[in-house]
């Protein structure tokens, strides 16, 4: 297996002078060299074929021992030096100080077809940033990360990718609900792929320590390799950089809201400098439409990272990123202008997305949309199924007929009592007026709606079924879900069983509703 390693991060930025792999505070460095832990009996469970192609790995090579050795951490690719990155961050709104890659190890960067990719193992052992943890990951969380990374990509959401999933052959002790009931689980390693895994927190660490020299070095490096369109110098260079990060973050969050994705852990150390969704821990999709839902048990009380709050949290995180960049700019007025552009962009683009989801071209009607949100919430509606089935409404339908086409999205139809049903009929009466007033045909509207409203998403219960099968060494469901989720906007009648609401048994089941950060 021949790749084209082209490391830059660990060659152009300062390395930790201490080469011991012991948890500690690391100063004056962007990373620490560290070797992955050698697994006892690794087995390849799944490979994302298109990600392999991105980095120049053929199908035959992905089945080789060399590939397994690489993505399990059993062997280091020749002439490369793996490393863990140093960063800090705000966790749940509170400054946490140094964090870093506690269970992630960057293997190397590869150039293929003029594109740069970083390969990173998650769950491959302890690093200097592991604190009191072991740096390992378990099979259940690794399946969730592997499948969701790819599912999000095919949904059109900016995201890191996942190349492979392997089991390590080792047992890992985890307390899944943090309630004192720790148990051993199967260990696993995911090989994540992205142009870079730099986060807001990488910059925050240097600024917090008043290490302006390395802050500037990191910013210059990031701009050189990932924002080459920025060619100005001085403070304008860093202002443009800030603006581009804002722009990409807006795009990412807009897509989250479009498909109903809830990240669950929007800490600043989980915010990609490239506007990519990163770190798939306690995530989920809005199923019974509750804008205040969060999948994270750690956040159950405050619900800081609930669905409706994600746009505001992204802005809050960008404020913190701006604070980290301030020493390079030292001009608050233009920085505030950059920051204000976040809300301007979101507020102008979000209504367009909502119109597209409804199949409407007319001017955005906020009251009409607000009533729909209220109805979806009051009716305990499945967001994905509602919008997908809304595309089946015809201009010739009466309100009650239109309503019947979205009834399948309700979790408990018998709870749609007379007053609520009347409100639905009134809403559909207005909706039908709107679609009749537009020139687009029913079939054209349906086609357009089905391009922005997915039919299939990775619901937590689906991932949980794959996990339970995998724990019995049956990996066929992982393959099936991967194939399904590569075409989430297509009908795929052979997989119609997955176009379904969360089953009753999954409503409160661990792994199917809320999850912890345990991995």
Protein backbone atom coordinates (compact mmCIF):
# COMPACT_ATOMS: atom_id res chain seq x y z
CA UNK A 1 0.00 0.00 0.00
CA UNK A 2 1.67 3.15 -1.27
CA UNK A 3 0.49 6.54 0.00
CA UNK A 4 1.87 10.03 -0.41
CA UNK A 5 2.53 11.41 3.10
CA UNK A 6 3.08 15.16 3.18
CA UNK A 7 3.22 16.29 6.80
CA UNK A 8 3.12 20.00 7.55
CA UNK A 9 1.49 20.51 10.98
CA UNK A 10 4.10 18.50 12.87
CA UNK A 11 6.95 19.97 10.82
CA UNK A 12 6.09 23.66 10.76
CA UNK A 13 4.66 24.14 14.24
CA UNK A 14 6.45 23.72 17.59
CA UNK A 15 6.57 20.25 19.11
CA UNK A 16 6.43 19.31 22.78
CA UNK A 17 10.05 18.82 23.90
CA UNK A 18 8.97 16.19 26.42
CA UNK A 19 8.57 12.90 24.54
CA UNK A 20 7.22 10.87 27.45
CA UNK A 21 3.62 9.75 27.07
CA UNK A 22 2.34 10.83 30.47
CA UNK A 23 -0.68 13.06 31.17
CA UNK A 24 0.56 16.58 31.91
CA UNK A 25 0.32 20.27 31.08
CA UNK A 26 2.10 20.97 27.79
CA UNK A 27 3.55 24.43 27.19
CA UNK A 28 5.09 26.22 24.20
CA UNK A 29 3.91 23.52 21.78
CA UNK A 30 1.13 22.86 19.29
CA UNK A 31 1.35 19.09 19.68
CA UNK A 32 3.14 16.14 21.27
CA UNK A 33 4.63 13.20 19.42
CA UNK A 34 2.97 9.96 20.50
CA UNK A 35 2.65 6.43 19.14
CA UNK A 36 -0.68 4.59 18.98
CA UNK A 37 -1.24 1.72 21.40
CA UNK A 38 -0.76 -1.64 19.70
CA UNK A 39 -4.06 -3.57 19.80
CA UNK A 40 -4.02 -7.24 20.78
CA UNK A 41 -6.15 -8.66 17.96
CA UNK A 42 -7.49 -6.03 15.52
CA UNK A 43 -10.19 -6.94 13.03
CA UNK A 44 -11.47 -4.79 10.19
CA UNK A 45 -15.22 -4.26 10.49
CA UNK A 46 -15.99 -1.71 7.80
CA UNK A 47 -14.33 0.58 5.25
CA UNK A 48 -15.93 3.64 3.68
CA UNK A 49 -14.97 2.98 0.08
CA UNK A 50 -15.26 6.56 -1.15
CA UNK A 51 -13.11 7.90 1.68
CA UNK A 52 -10.45 5.33 0.83
CA UNK A 53 -10.47 6.64 -2.75
CA UNK A 54 -10.02 10.20 -1.49
CA UNK A 55 -6.62 9.35 -0.05
CA UNK A 56 -5.50 6.98 -2.80
CA UNK A 57 -6.33 3.57 -1.33
CA UNK A 58 -7.79 1.00 -3.71
CA UNK A 59 -10.43 -1.56 -2.77
CA UNK A 60 -7.84 -4.32 -2.85
CA UNK A 61 -5.46 -2.32 -0.65
CA UNK A 62 -8.21 -1.68 1.88
CA UNK A 63 -8.43 -5.42 2.45
CA UNK A 64 -4.71 -5.85 3.04
CA UNK A 65 -2.83 -6.44 6.28
CA UNK A 66 -0.94 -3.20 5.70
CA UNK A 67 -4.22 -1.29 5.75
CA UNK A 68 -5.43 -3.05 8.90
CA UNK A 69 -2.12 -2.38 10.61
CA UNK A 70 -2.35 1.31 9.70
CA UNK A 71 -5.93 2.01 10.75
CA UNK A 72 -5.74 -0.05 13.96
CA UNK A 73 -2.54 1.55 15.20
CA UNK A 74 -0.60 -1.70 15.02
CA UNK A 75 2.02 -0.18 12.73
CA UNK A 76 3.25 3.32 11.93
CA UNK A 77 3.52 4.22 8.26
CA UNK A 78 7.18 4.57 7.17
CA UNK A 79 8.81 7.96 7.70
CA UNK A 80 5.87 9.45 9.60
CA UNK A 81 5.63 10.66 13.20
CA UNK A 82 2.13 10.48 14.78
CA UNK A 83 1.12 13.21 17.20
CA UNK A 84 -1.66 14.52 19.44
CA UNK A 85 -2.68 18.17 19.23
CA UNK A 86 -2.77 20.60 22.14
CA UNK A 87 -5.83 22.76 22.61
CA UNK A 88 -8.06 24.26 25.28
CA UNK A 89 -11.71 25.19 25.34
CA UNK A 90 -14.97 26.18 26.96
CA UNK A 91 -17.05 23.18 27.98
CA UNK A 92 -20.75 23.85 28.62
CA UNK A 93 -19.90 27.55 28.83
CA UNK A 94 -17.10 27.19 31.39
CA UNK A 95 -13.40 27.61 30.74
CA UNK A 96 -11.74 24.19 31.03
CA UNK A 97 -8.12 25.11 30.35
CA UNK A 98 -5.91 22.63 28.52
CA UNK A 99 -7.78 19.75 26.91
CA UNK A 100 -6.09 18.39 23.79
CA UNK A 101 -6.37 15.14 21.83
CA UNK A 102 -7.06 12.85 24.76
CA UNK A 103 -8.06 9.87 22.64
CA UNK A 104 -7.12 10.99 19.14
CA UNK A 105 -3.77 10.50 17.43
CA UNK A 106 -2.98 12.14 14.09
CA UNK A 107 -1.08 9.67 11.93
CA UNK A 108 0.04 11.85 9.03
CA UNK A 109 -1.17 14.09 6.23
CA UNK A 110 -1.51 12.71 2.74
CA UNK A 111 -1.66 14.50 -0.60
CA UNK A 112 -3.83 12.89 -3.27
CA UNK A 113 -5.06 14.54 -6.44
CA UNK A 114 -3.93 17.94 -5.12
CA UNK A 115 -6.00 17.64 -1.94
CA UNK A 116 -4.64 17.39 1.56
CA UNK A 117 -6.08 14.97 4.10
CA UNK A 118 -5.15 14.20 7.68
CA UNK A 119 -5.64 10.67 8.99
CA UNK A 120 -6.50 10.47 12.67
CA UNK A 121 -7.13 7.45 14.89
CA UNK A 122 -9.75 7.84 17.60
CA UNK A 123 -9.49 5.35 20.42
CA UNK A 124 -5.88 4.31 19.81
CA UNK A 125 -4.57 4.94 23.30
CA UNK A 126 -3.30 7.41 25.83
CA UNK A 127 -1.69 10.76 24.99
CA UNK A 128 -0.26 13.53 27.16
CA UNK A 129 -3.73 15.12 26.99
CA UNK A 130 -5.70 12.11 28.25
CA UNK A 131 -5.80 13.42 31.83
CA UNK A 132 -7.26 10.56 33.91
CA UNK A 133 -8.65 8.64 30.92
CA UNK A 134 -7.17 5.75 28.93
CA UNK A 135 -7.43 7.23 25.43
CA UNK A 136 -9.44 4.25 24.20
CA UNK A 137 -12.91 3.99 22.65
CA UNK A 138 -15.58 1.33 22.68
CA UNK A 139 -17.39 -0.36 19.83
CA UNK A 140 -20.80 1.29 20.41
CA UNK A 141 -19.52 4.86 20.19
CA UNK A 142 -17.18 3.99 17.33
CA UNK A 143 -20.03 2.56 15.24
CA UNK A 144 -22.03 5.72 15.89
CA UNK A 145 -19.13 7.95 14.84
CA UNK A 146 -18.23 5.93 11.76
CA UNK A 147 -21.76 5.74 10.40
CA UNK A 148 -22.78 9.29 11.27
CA UNK A 149 -19.68 10.92 9.79
CA UNK A 150 -20.54 9.37 6.45
CA UNK A 151 -24.30 9.86 6.78
CA UNK A 152 -23.79 13.58 7.35
CA UNK A 153 -21.54 13.88 4.32
CA UNK A 154 -24.15 12.35 2.04
CA UNK A 155 -26.82 14.60 3.55
CA UNK A 156 -24.74 17.52 2.30
CA UNK A 157 -23.65 18.66 5.76
CA UNK A 158 -20.01 19.85 6.15
CA UNK A 159 -18.31 17.14 8.21
CA UNK A 160 -15.19 15.21 9.01
CA UNK A 161 -15.19 11.76 7.38
CA UNK A 162 -14.57 8.25 8.62
CA UNK A 163 -12.36 5.85 6.69
CA UNK A 164 -12.63 2.70 8.75
CA UNK A 165 -13.87 0.92 11.83
CA UNK A 166 -11.86 -1.82 13.53
CA UNK A 167 -12.23 -3.74 16.74
CA UNK A 168 -9.07 -3.88 18.84
CA UNK A 169 -9.52 -7.24 20.50
CA UNK A 170 -9.19 -5.54 23.88
CA UNK A 171 -11.77 -4.86 26.57
CA UNK A 172 -12.37 -1.30 27.74
CA UNK A 173 -13.96 -0.34 31.07
CA UNK A 174 -16.73 2.26 30.73
CA UNK A 175 -19.55 3.66 32.87
CA UNK A 176 -22.10 4.33 30.12
CA UNK A 177 -24.42 6.52 32.22
CA UNK A 178 -21.89 7.78 34.77
CA UNK A 179 -23.96 6.16 37.52
CA UNK A 180 -21.38 3.87 39.08
CA UNK A 181 -22.17 0.82 36.95
CA UNK A 182 -18.96 0.46 34.97
CA UNK A 183 -18.57 -2.60 32.75
CA UNK A 184 -16.13 -3.94 30.20
CA UNK A 185 -16.96 -3.39 26.55
CA UNK A 186 -15.33 -4.25 23.23
CA UNK A 187 -12.65 -1.76 22.24
CA UNK A 188 -12.60 -0.19 18.78
CA UNK A 189 -10.73 2.38 16.69
CA UNK A 190 -12.10 4.73 14.04
CA UNK A 191 -9.84 6.30 11.44
CA UNK A 192 -11.15 9.81 10.88
CA UNK A 193 -10.26 11.87 7.81
CA UNK A 194 -10.40 15.64 7.28
CA UNK A 195 -8.27 18.31 5.66
CA UNK A 196 -7.36 19.31 9.22
CA UNK A 197 -8.60 18.68 12.75
CA UNK A 198 -7.63 22.15 14.04
CA UNK A 199 -10.28 23.55 16.40
CA UNK A 200 -11.18 26.88 17.95
CA UNK A 201 -9.54 25.56 21.09
CA UNK A 202 -6.10 25.29 19.46
CA UNK A 203 -6.07 29.09 19.25
CA UNK A 204 -7.65 29.57 22.67
CA UNK A 205 -4.84 27.66 24.36
CA UNK A 206 -2.10 30.00 23.12
CA UNK A 207 -4.06 33.16 23.83
CA UNK A 208 -4.95 32.04 27.35
CA UNK A 209 -1.25 31.52 28.01
CA UNK A 210 -0.29 34.80 26.33
CA UNK A 211 1.83 32.81 23.88
CA UNK A 212 1.34 35.25 21.00
CA UNK A 213 4.31 33.93 19.04
CA UNK A 214 2.77 30.48 18.68
CA UNK A 215 -0.72 31.92 18.24
CA UNK A 216 0.55 33.80 15.20
CA UNK A 217 2.40 30.73 13.93
CA UNK A 218 -0.75 28.63 14.16
CA UNK A 219 -2.88 31.28 12.43
CA UNK A 220 -0.33 31.74 9.64
CA UNK A 221 -0.10 27.98 9.16
CA UNK A 222 -3.88 27.54 9.01
CA UNK A 223 -4.29 30.36 6.51
CA UNK A 224 -1.43 29.12 4.32
CA UNK A 225 -2.80 25.60 3.92
CA UNK A 226 -6.55 25.92 4.36
CA UNK A 227 -7.42 29.51 3.44
CA UNK A 228 -4.93 30.21 0.62
CA UNK A 229 -7.37 32.69 -0.95
CA UNK A 230 -6.37 35.13 1.83
CA UNK A 231 -3.39 36.98 0.37
CA UNK A 232 -3.36 40.25 2.36
CA UNK A 233 -1.02 40.88 5.26
CA UNK A 234 -1.09 42.47 8.70
CA UNK A 235 -4.24 42.59 10.81
CA UNK A 236 -6.39 42.46 7.66
CA UNK A 237 -5.10 38.94 7.08
CA UNK A 238 -6.43 37.74 10.42
CA UNK A 239 -9.67 39.69 10.02
CA UNK A 240 -10.34 37.92 6.74
CA UNK A 241 -9.48 34.64 8.42
CA UNK A 242 -12.01 35.37 11.15
CA UNK A 243 -14.62 36.24 8.53
CA UNK A 244 -14.07 33.01 6.62
CA UNK A 245 -14.40 30.91 9.78
CA UNK A 246 -17.64 32.76 10.57
CA UNK A 247 -18.93 32.09 7.05
CA UNK A 248 -18.20 28.38 7.21
CA UNK A 249 -19.69 28.04 10.67
CA UNK A 250 -22.91 29.67 9.47
CA UNK A 251 -23.13 27.19 6.60
CA UNK A 252 -22.57 24.21 8.90
CA UNK A 253 -25.22 25.21 11.45
CA UNK A 254 -27.75 26.05 8.73
CA UNK A 255 -27.41 22.50 7.45
CA UNK A 256 -27.78 21.10 10.98
CA UNK A 257 -31.07 22.94 11.36
CA UNK A 258 -32.20 21.93 7.87
CA UNK A 259 -31.94 18.19 8.54
CA UNK A 260 -32.85 18.32 12.24
CA UNK A 261 -29.42 17.29 13.56
CA UNK A 262 -28.54 17.96 17.19
CA UNK A 263 -24.81 17.87 17.94
CA UNK A 264 -25.09 17.59 21.70
CA UNK A 265 -21.59 18.81 22.67
CA UNK A 266 -20.95 22.20 21.07
CA UNK A 267 -17.96 23.04 23.26
CA UNK A 268 -15.36 25.33 21.67
CA UNK A 269 -12.91 22.44 21.51
CA UNK A 270 -15.47 20.64 19.31
CA UNK A 271 -15.68 23.47 16.77
CA UNK A 272 -13.68 22.91 13.58
CA UNK A 273 -11.69 25.80 12.19
CA UNK A 274 -12.89 24.63 8.76
CA UNK A 275 -16.60 24.67 9.61
CA UNK A 276 -16.87 20.89 9.70
CA UNK A 277 -19.05 18.86 12.03
CA UNK A 278 -16.59 17.16 14.35
CA UNK A 279 -16.76 14.78 17.34
CA UNK A 280 -19.84 12.61 17.09
CA UNK A 281 -20.67 11.83 20.71
CA UNK A 282 -24.20 12.24 22.07
CA UNK A 283 -25.88 13.35 18.85
CA UNK A 284 -29.36 12.74 17.50
CA UNK A 285 -32.05 13.84 15.07
CA UNK A 286 -35.20 15.72 15.99
CA UNK A 287 -37.72 12.90 16.04
CA UNK A 288 -40.66 13.84 18.27
CA UNK A 289 -40.39 17.49 17.32
CA UNK A 290 -39.08 19.19 20.46
CA UNK A 291 -36.88 22.23 19.73
CA UNK A 292 -35.63 22.08 23.33
CA UNK A 293 -34.35 18.52 23.05
CA UNK A 294 -30.69 17.64 23.60
CA UNK A 295 -29.29 14.12 23.29
CA UNK A 296 -26.65 14.68 25.99
CA UNK A 297 -27.34 13.40 29.51
CA UNK A 298 -24.64 15.74 30.83
CA UNK A 299 -26.69 18.65 29.47
CA UNK A 300 -30.08 17.34 30.63
CA UNK A 301 -30.66 20.05 33.22
CA UNK A 302 -29.52 23.22 31.46
CA UNK A 303 -30.12 22.04 27.86
CA UNK A 304 -27.46 24.46 26.68
CA UNK A 305 -26.98 22.55 23.45
CA UNK A 306 -30.63 21.93 22.58
CA UNK A 307 -31.71 22.02 18.94
CA UNK A 308 -33.17 25.52 18.88
CA UNK A 309 -30.11 26.91 20.67
CA UNK A 310 -27.48 25.66 18.23
CA UNK A 311 -27.31 28.84 16.10
CA UNK A 312 -26.84 31.01 19.22
CA UNK A 313 -24.23 28.66 20.69
CA UNK A 314 -22.26 28.74 17.44
CA UNK A 315 -22.26 32.54 17.71
CA UNK A 316 -21.13 32.35 21.35
CA UNK A 317 -18.30 30.06 20.31
CA UNK A 318 -17.29 32.47 17.55
CA UNK A 319 -17.08 35.22 20.17
CA UNK A 320 -14.60 33.06 22.06
CA UNK A 321 -12.67 32.40 18.87
CA UNK A 322 -12.60 36.13 18.21
CA UNK A 323 -11.20 36.68 21.70
CA UNK A 324 -8.47 34.19 20.85
CA UNK A 325 -7.59 36.05 17.63
CA UNK A 326 -7.74 39.50 19.21
CA UNK A 327 -3.99 39.75 20.01
CA UNK A 328 -3.30 39.43 16.27
CA UNK A 329 -5.78 42.16 15.29
CA UNK A 330 -6.23 44.48 18.29
CA UNK A 331 -9.07 46.40 16.64
CA UNK A 332 -12.44 45.64 18.16
CA UNK A 333 -14.64 47.56 15.69
CA UNK A 334 -13.91 45.50 12.54
CA UNK A 335 -13.97 42.33 14.64
CA UNK A 336 -17.46 43.20 15.82
CA UNK A 337 -18.48 43.77 12.21
CA UNK A 338 -17.24 40.30 11.33
CA UNK A 339 -19.09 38.83 14.28
CA UNK A 340 -22.29 40.70 13.42
CA UNK A 341 -22.18 39.20 9.95
CA UNK A 342 -22.94 35.81 11.51
CA UNK A 343 -26.47 36.80 12.50
CA UNK A 344 -26.96 38.73 9.28
CA UNK A 345 -26.06 35.67 7.22
CA UNK A 346 -28.05 33.25 9.31
CA UNK A 347 -31.13 35.46 9.46
CA UNK A 348 -31.09 35.96 5.69
CA UNK A 349 -30.39 32.33 4.73
CA UNK A 350 -32.48 30.42 7.27
CA UNK A 351 -35.83 31.67 5.87
CA UNK A 352 -34.72 30.58 2.39
CA UNK A 353 -34.02 27.08 3.67
CA UNK A 354 -37.39 26.97 5.42
CA UNK A 355 -39.11 28.03 2.19
CA UNK A 356 -37.26 25.30 0.30
CA UNK A 357 -38.30 22.68 2.85
CA UNK A 358 -41.91 23.74 2.34
CA UNK A 359 -41.57 23.82 -1.45
CA UNK A 360 -42.46 27.51 -1.59
CA UNK A 361 -40.89 30.28 -3.63
CA UNK A 362 -42.89 33.21 -2.30
CA UNK A 363 -41.60 35.61 0.32
CA UNK A 364 -40.99 34.09 3.75
CA UNK A 365 -44.02 34.20 6.06
CA UNK A 366 -42.73 34.17 9.66
CA UNK A 367 -46.16 33.76 11.26
CA UNK A 368 -46.96 30.85 8.95
CA UNK A 369 -43.66 29.18 9.85
CA UNK A 370 -44.09 29.86 13.58
CA UNK A 371 -47.51 28.21 13.54
CA UNK A 372 -46.04 25.16 11.80
CA UNK A 373 -43.30 24.88 14.42
CA UNK A 374 -45.92 25.13 17.17
CA UNK A 375 -48.06 22.46 15.51
CA UNK A 376 -45.15 20.08 14.96
CA UNK A 377 -44.19 20.44 18.60
CA UNK A 378 -47.72 20.09 20.00
CA UNK A 379 -48.41 17.06 17.79
CA UNK A 380 -45.20 15.20 18.69
CA UNK A 381 -44.29 14.96 15.02
CA UNK A 382 -41.32 13.30 13.40
CA UNK A 383 -39.50 16.10 11.58
CA UNK A 384 -37.94 13.96 8.84
CA UNK A 385 -41.15 12.11 7.99
CA UNK A 386 -43.30 15.24 8.11
CA UNK A 387 -41.27 17.22 5.60
CA UNK A 388 -40.72 14.24 3.34
CA UNK A 389 -44.43 13.42 3.20
CA UNK A 390 -45.42 17.06 2.85
CA UNK A 391 -44.05 16.81 -0.68
CA UNK A 392 -46.95 14.45 -1.52
CA UNK A 393 -49.56 17.19 -1.03
CA UNK A 394 -51.27 18.23 -4.25
CA UNK A 395 -52.72 21.59 -5.21
CA UNK A 396 -56.07 19.86 -5.73
CA UNK A 397 -56.18 18.48 -2.16
CA UNK A 398 -58.64 19.74 0.40
CA UNK A 399 -57.09 20.64 3.78
CA UNK A 400 -58.28 17.40 5.38
CA UNK A 401 -56.80 15.34 2.54
CA UNK A 402 -53.50 17.17 2.81
CA UNK A 403 -53.52 16.55 6.54
CA UNK A 404 -54.04 12.82 6.01
CA UNK A 405 -50.80 12.68 4.01
CA UNK A 406 -48.68 13.75 6.98
CA UNK A 407 -50.52 11.79 9.71
CA UNK A 408 -47.83 9.10 9.58
CA UNK A 409 -45.39 11.60 11.11
CA UNK A 410 -47.35 11.76 14.40
CA UNK A 411 -46.19 9.51 17.21
CA UNK A 412 -49.65 9.31 18.78
CA UNK A 413 -52.39 10.21 16.33
CA UNK A 414 -55.11 9.84 18.94
CA UNK A 415 -53.62 12.83 20.78
CA UNK A 416 -54.42 15.10 17.83
CA UNK A 417 -57.68 16.26 19.41
CA UNK A 418 -60.28 18.49 17.74
CA UNK A 419 -58.71 21.87 18.55
CA UNK A 420 -55.26 20.78 17.36
CA UNK A 421 -56.71 19.16 14.25
CA UNK A 422 -58.60 22.37 13.45
CA UNK A 423 -55.35 24.32 13.68
CA UNK A 424 -53.74 21.82 11.29
CA UNK A 425 -56.62 22.17 8.83
CA UNK A 426 -56.31 25.96 8.99
CA UNK A 427 -52.57 25.75 8.40
CA UNK A 428 -53.06 23.45 5.43
CA UNK A 429 -55.70 25.77 4.02
CA UNK A 430 -53.09 28.52 3.95
CA UNK A 431 -50.42 26.15 2.62
CA UNK A 432 -52.67 25.08 -0.23
CA UNK A 433 -53.35 28.72 -1.09
CA UNK A 434 -49.62 29.33 -1.25
CA UNK A 435 -48.78 26.39 -3.52
CA UNK A 436 -51.74 27.14 -5.80
CA UNK A 437 -50.47 30.71 -6.25
CA UNK A 438 -47.13 29.49 -7.62
CA UNK A 439 -46.45 28.37 -11.18
CA UNK A 440 -44.43 25.32 -10.23
CA UNK A 441 -46.25 22.00 -10.76
CA UNK A 442 -46.90 19.43 -8.05
CA UNK A 443 -44.27 17.08 -9.47
CA UNK A 444 -41.68 19.85 -9.78
CA UNK A 445 -42.33 20.98 -6.23
CA UNK A 446 -42.03 17.43 -4.93
CA UNK A 447 -38.75 16.92 -6.73
CA UNK A 448 -37.34 20.16 -5.31
CA UNK A 449 -38.52 19.37 -1.77
CA UNK A 450 -37.06 15.87 -1.89
CA UNK A 451 -33.66 17.35 -2.63
CA UNK A 452 -33.55 19.24 0.68
CA UNK A 453 -35.71 16.98 2.89
CA UNK A 454 -34.02 13.60 3.37
CA UNK A 455 -36.02 10.41 3.54
CA UNK A 456 -33.46 8.57 5.65
CA UNK A 457 -31.31 9.76 8.55
CA UNK A 458 -29.27 7.82 11.11
CA UNK A 459 -31.76 7.67 13.94
CA UNK A 460 -30.31 6.62 17.27
CA UNK A 461 -32.39 3.44 17.39
CA UNK A 462 -30.98 2.40 13.99
CA UNK A 463 -27.43 2.87 15.25
CA UNK A 464 -28.33 0.99 18.43
CA UNK A 465 -29.62 -1.99 16.43
CA UNK A 466 -26.33 -2.05 14.52
CA UNK A 467 -24.42 -1.86 17.80
CA UNK A 468 -26.34 -4.73 19.39
CA UNK A 469 -25.81 -6.90 16.32
CA UNK A 470 -22.10 -6.01 16.20
CA UNK A 471 -21.68 -6.96 19.84
CA UNK A 472 -22.75 -10.45 18.69
CA UNK A 473 -20.19 -10.26 15.85
CA UNK A 474 -22.86 -9.63 13.22
CA UNK A 475 -21.73 -6.64 11.18
CA UNK A 476 -24.21 -6.92 8.31
CA UNK A 477 -26.41 -4.12 9.65
CA UNK A 478 -23.46 -1.72 9.62
CA UNK A 479 -23.05 -2.48 5.92
CA UNK A 480 -26.77 -2.08 5.27
CA UNK A 481 -27.05 1.26 7.04
CA UNK A 482 -23.92 2.56 5.35
CA UNK A 483 -25.37 1.67 1.94
CA UNK A 484 -28.75 3.17 2.82
CA UNK A 485 -27.31 6.44 4.11
CA UNK A 486 -25.15 7.02 1.05
CA UNK A 487 -28.36 8.01 -0.78
CA UNK A 488 -30.54 9.63 1.89
CA UNK A 489 -32.66 11.64 -0.56
CA UNK A 490 -33.55 8.68 -2.79
CA UNK A 491 -36.68 6.57 -2.27
CA UNK A 492 -34.78 3.25 -2.04
CA UNK A 493 -37.91 1.06 -1.80
CA UNK A 494 -35.81 -1.93 -0.76
CA UNK A 495 -35.07 -0.07 2.48
CA UNK A 496 -38.54 1.33 3.12
CA UNK A 497 -38.55 -0.26 6.59
CA UNK A 498 -36.10 2.45 7.71
CA UNK A 499 -38.54 5.21 6.77
CA UNK A 500 -40.18 4.86 10.14
CA UNK A 501 -40.62 6.67 13.41
CA UNK A 502 -38.60 5.66 16.44
CA UNK A 503 -40.21 2.48 17.85
CA UNK A 504 -41.90 2.61 21.26
CA UNK A 505 -39.24 0.32 22.72
CA UNK A 506 -36.60 2.94 21.86
CA UNK A 507 -38.32 5.92 23.48
CA UNK A 508 -36.39 5.65 26.75
CA UNK A 509 -33.85 2.95 25.93
CA UNK A 510 -30.21 3.75 26.66
CA UNK A 511 -28.52 4.69 23.38
CA UNK A 512 -31.81 5.47 21.62
CA UNK A 513 -32.91 8.63 23.39
CA UNK A 514 -30.29 10.50 25.40
CA UNK A 515 -26.66 9.45 25.61
CA UNK A 516 -23.67 10.32 27.73
CA UNK A 517 -20.22 11.33 26.52
CA UNK A 518 -18.95 7.90 27.61
CA UNK A 519 -16.82 6.30 24.93
